[in-house]
Amino acid sequence: MSSSMFRKKSRARVRHHRAQWRGRVSAPALTPCPNAVCGEPKPSHTACPHCGQYKGRQVYRP
């Protein structure tokens, strides 16, 4: 596709678009670690960085 098919987007339109996108993107929700000993907040669907467990199994040493 050649660039002649598209019109230049004004600075105001670009900034408005980026501001809308940035407003929807937020920090990941943190959930408490299911390990009874740990309980530290961690991102969902990831191994706990504090105790190294994921779904009740030890996946790495902290």
N, C-alpha and C. Protein backbone atom coordinates (compact mmCIF):
# COMPACT_ATOMS: atom_id res chain seq x y z
N MET A 1 0.84 -1.18 0.00
CA MET A 1 0.00 0.00 0.00
C MET A 1 0.88 1.24 0.00
N SER A 2 0.52 2.14 -0.82
CA SER A 2 1.31 3.36 -0.91
C SER A 2 0.83 4.37 0.11
N SER A 3 1.70 5.28 0.45
CA SER A 3 1.35 6.28 1.46
C SER A 3 0.35 7.30 0.93
N SER A 4 0.14 7.35 -0.39
CA SER A 4 -0.82 8.30 -0.93
C SER A 4 -2.27 7.90 -0.64
N MET A 5 -2.47 6.64 -0.17
CA MET A 5 -3.82 6.17 0.14
C MET A 5 -4.30 6.69 1.50
N PHE A 6 -3.38 7.08 2.33
CA PHE A 6 -3.73 7.47 3.69
C PHE A 6 -3.54 8.97 3.88
N ARG A 7 -4.41 9.56 4.69
CA ARG A 7 -4.25 10.97 5.01
C ARG A 7 -3.46 11.11 6.30
N LYS A 8 -2.76 12.22 6.41
CA LYS A 8 -2.00 12.47 7.63
C LYS A 8 -2.97 12.70 8.78
N LYS A 9 -2.68 12.09 9.91
CA LYS A 9 -3.51 12.26 11.10
C LYS A 9 -2.94 13.44 11.88
N SER A 10 -3.81 14.39 12.23
CA SER A 10 -3.35 15.58 12.92
C SER A 10 -2.79 15.22 14.30
N ARG A 11 -1.98 16.09 14.84
CA ARG A 11 -1.38 15.87 16.15
C ARG A 11 -2.46 15.72 17.23
N ALA A 12 -3.51 16.52 17.12
CA ALA A 12 -4.61 16.44 18.11
C ALA A 12 -5.29 15.08 18.04
N ARG A 13 -5.53 14.56 16.84
CA ARG A 13 -6.17 13.26 16.70
C ARG A 13 -5.27 12.14 17.23
N VAL A 14 -3.99 12.23 16.95
CA VAL A 14 -3.04 11.22 17.43
C VAL A 14 -3.01 11.24 18.95
N ARG A 15 -2.90 12.40 19.53
CA ARG A 15 -2.83 12.50 20.99
C ARG A 15 -4.13 12.06 21.65
N HIS A 16 -5.26 12.37 21.02
CA HIS A 16 -6.54 11.93 21.56
C HIS A 16 -6.62 10.40 21.54
N HIS A 17 -6.21 9.80 20.44
CA HIS A 17 -6.21 8.34 20.32
C HIS A 17 -5.30 7.70 21.37
N ARG A 18 -4.11 8.23 21.54
CA ARG A 18 -3.17 7.66 22.51
C ARG A 18 -3.66 7.85 23.94
N ALA A 19 -4.32 8.96 24.22
CA ALA A 19 -4.83 9.19 25.57
C ALA A 19 -5.94 8.20 25.89
N GLN A 20 -6.79 7.89 24.92
CA GLN A 20 -7.85 6.91 25.13
C GLN A 20 -7.26 5.54 25.42
N TRP A 21 -6.24 5.16 24.65
CA TRP A 21 -5.61 3.85 24.81
C TRP A 21 -4.91 3.76 26.15
N ARG A 22 -4.20 4.80 26.52
CA ARG A 22 -3.44 4.78 27.77
C ARG A 22 -4.37 4.73 28.98
N GLY A 23 -5.56 5.30 28.87
CA GLY A 23 -6.51 5.27 29.97
C GLY A 23 -7.03 3.87 30.25
N ARG A 24 -7.09 3.03 29.21
CA ARG A 24 -7.61 1.66 29.37
C ARG A 24 -6.54 0.70 29.86
N VAL A 25 -5.29 0.97 29.53
CA VAL A 25 -4.20 0.09 29.96
C VAL A 25 -3.86 0.45 31.40
N SER A 26 -3.91 -0.54 32.26
CA SER A 26 -3.64 -0.27 33.67
C SER A 26 -2.66 -1.30 34.20
N ALA A 27 -2.27 -1.12 35.43
CA ALA A 27 -1.37 -2.08 36.08
C ALA A 27 -2.08 -3.42 36.23
N PRO A 28 -1.34 -4.52 36.16
CA PRO A 28 -1.98 -5.82 36.29
C PRO A 28 -2.59 -6.00 37.68
N ALA A 29 -3.72 -6.67 37.71
CA ALA A 29 -4.39 -6.92 38.99
C ALA A 29 -3.59 -7.94 39.78
N LEU A 30 -3.37 -7.67 41.04
CA LEU A 30 -2.61 -8.57 41.89
C LEU A 30 -3.56 -9.40 42.74
N THR A 31 -3.24 -10.68 42.87
CA THR A 31 -4.03 -11.58 43.71
C THR A 31 -3.12 -12.14 44.80
N PRO A 32 -3.66 -12.46 45.95
CA PRO A 32 -2.80 -13.03 46.99
C PRO A 32 -2.33 -14.44 46.60
N CYS A 33 -1.13 -14.77 46.98
CA CYS A 33 -0.56 -16.09 46.71
C CYS A 33 -1.38 -17.13 47.48
N PRO A 34 -1.79 -18.23 46.83
CA PRO A 34 -2.58 -19.24 47.53
C PRO A 34 -1.80 -20.04 48.56
N ASN A 35 -0.48 -19.93 48.56
CA ASN A 35 0.34 -20.61 49.56
C ASN A 35 0.02 -20.00 50.92
N ALA A 36 -0.39 -20.83 51.89
CA ALA A 36 -0.80 -20.33 53.20
C ALA A 36 0.34 -19.63 53.94
N VAL A 37 1.57 -20.07 53.71
CA VAL A 37 2.71 -19.46 54.39
C VAL A 37 3.07 -18.11 53.78
N CYS A 38 2.91 -17.99 52.46
CA CYS A 38 3.34 -16.77 51.75
C CYS A 38 2.25 -15.70 51.79
N GLY A 39 1.21 -15.83 50.95
CA GLY A 39 0.12 -14.86 50.91
C GLY A 39 0.47 -13.51 50.32
N GLU A 40 1.65 -13.37 49.72
CA GLU A 40 2.07 -12.10 49.13
C GLU A 40 1.27 -11.82 47.85
N PRO A 41 1.04 -10.55 47.49
CA PRO A 41 0.36 -10.26 46.24
C PRO A 41 1.24 -10.61 45.05
N LYS A 42 0.61 -11.19 44.01
CA LYS A 42 1.34 -11.59 42.81
C LYS A 42 0.42 -11.43 41.61
N PRO A 43 0.94 -11.28 40.39
CA PRO A 43 0.10 -11.23 39.20
C PRO A 43 -0.59 -12.57 38.98
N SER A 44 -1.79 -12.55 38.42
CA SER A 44 -2.53 -13.78 38.15
C SER A 44 -1.81 -14.65 37.12
N HIS A 45 -1.98 -15.94 37.23
CA HIS A 45 -1.46 -16.92 36.27
C HIS A 45 0.06 -16.88 36.14
N THR A 46 0.75 -16.54 37.23
CA THR A 46 2.21 -16.56 37.23
C THR A 46 2.69 -17.19 38.53
N ALA A 47 3.92 -17.66 38.52
CA ALA A 47 4.51 -18.19 39.74
C ALA A 47 4.77 -17.05 40.71
N CYS A 48 4.64 -17.32 41.98
CA CYS A 48 4.86 -16.30 43.00
C CYS A 48 6.35 -15.97 43.06
N PRO A 49 6.72 -14.70 42.92
CA PRO A 49 8.13 -14.35 42.99
C PRO A 49 8.72 -14.46 44.39
N HIS A 50 7.86 -14.54 45.42
CA HIS A 50 8.34 -14.60 46.80
C HIS A 50 8.62 -16.02 47.26
N CYS A 51 7.68 -16.96 46.93
CA CYS A 51 7.87 -18.33 47.42
C CYS A 51 8.19 -19.32 46.29
N GLY A 52 7.98 -18.94 45.03
CA GLY A 52 8.33 -19.79 43.90
C GLY A 52 7.33 -20.88 43.58
N GLN A 53 6.10 -20.77 44.08
CA GLN A 53 5.10 -21.80 43.82
C GLN A 53 4.12 -21.35 42.76
N TYR A 54 3.61 -22.35 41.98
CA TYR A 54 2.56 -22.11 41.00
C TYR A 54 1.62 -23.29 41.03
N LYS A 55 0.36 -23.03 41.28
CA LYS A 55 -0.67 -24.07 41.38
C LYS A 55 -0.28 -25.16 42.38
N GLY A 56 0.26 -24.76 43.51
CA GLY A 56 0.58 -25.70 44.57
C GLY A 56 1.88 -26.48 44.38
N ARG A 57 2.63 -26.21 43.31
CA ARG A 57 3.90 -26.90 43.07
C ARG A 57 5.04 -25.92 43.15
N GLN A 58 6.18 -26.38 43.60
CA GLN A 58 7.39 -25.55 43.66
C GLN A 58 8.02 -25.56 42.27
N VAL A 59 8.02 -24.42 41.58
CA VAL A 59 8.56 -24.36 40.22
C VAL A 59 9.97 -23.77 40.18
N TYR A 60 10.32 -22.97 41.15
CA TYR A 60 11.71 -22.50 41.25
C TYR A 60 11.96 -22.01 42.66
N ARG A 61 13.22 -21.89 42.99
CA ARG A 61 13.61 -21.39 44.31
C ARG A 61 13.67 -19.88 44.29
N PRO A 62 13.06 -19.22 45.25
CA PRO A 62 13.11 -17.75 45.27
C PRO A 62 14.48 -17.23 45.64
